Amino acid sequence: MELSDGIIVLRPPAESDLPALADAIRSSQAHLAPFLPWAAGDYDENDTLEWIRRRGYPSEVGFVIVTPAGNLVGGCGLNGFNEANRVANLGYWLRTSARGNGFATAATRLVARHGFDEYGLARIEILMSTENPASRHVAERVGARHEGVLRNRLLLHGRNHDAHMFSLVPTDLDDVLTPVRASR
């Protein structure tokens, strides 16, 4: 399935994406690794292949972000599904050279709408370290509600971080998102 807002396209990753994904992660480690431990210095194409093969509901629903020029610039998806409460976590990342173009914001809106429509979610949580202002700005631009700071919520590289908790419910996107164009 592909999702699009008419500008960016989100699609499931394929093994043919290995070089582009690994390059995007390796070239962006300085800003990714502090908050995404999986993007550590020894990251390679085998790590990418493992992610591609393990993703899938109910474990993880992941997409790659493709720009209008056809460049693969990041990823966005849902994980941590709690079916009993119809809740999931939403995460995103971009390669450094693609930041500041609205791609993460657009991808987050698309994935959130997809989660509500496709999986019947009642709530989507976006959690990030209080030391990660770029991620916080994406959540704010999407219209997610800041619910507070959770003390010692994230363990990153052996150190506990306080975390911002943002949430989206289906009506939060009603005024800011045109219908998602999905193709199978």
Foldseek 3Di string as FASTA:
>chain_A
DWKDQPWKIWDQDDLVCLVLVQVLLQQAVVQCCQWPVCSDPVDHSVSVVVVSVPADPPAKDKIFIAGNVGHGFWMKIWGPQDLVQLEIEIDIDGRPVPPPPCRLLRVRLRRVLCSCPVVVHFKYKYKTFPVRVSSVVSCVVNQWAWPDWAFQPDQHPNDGGIMIITMDGVVSCPVPGDDIDDDD
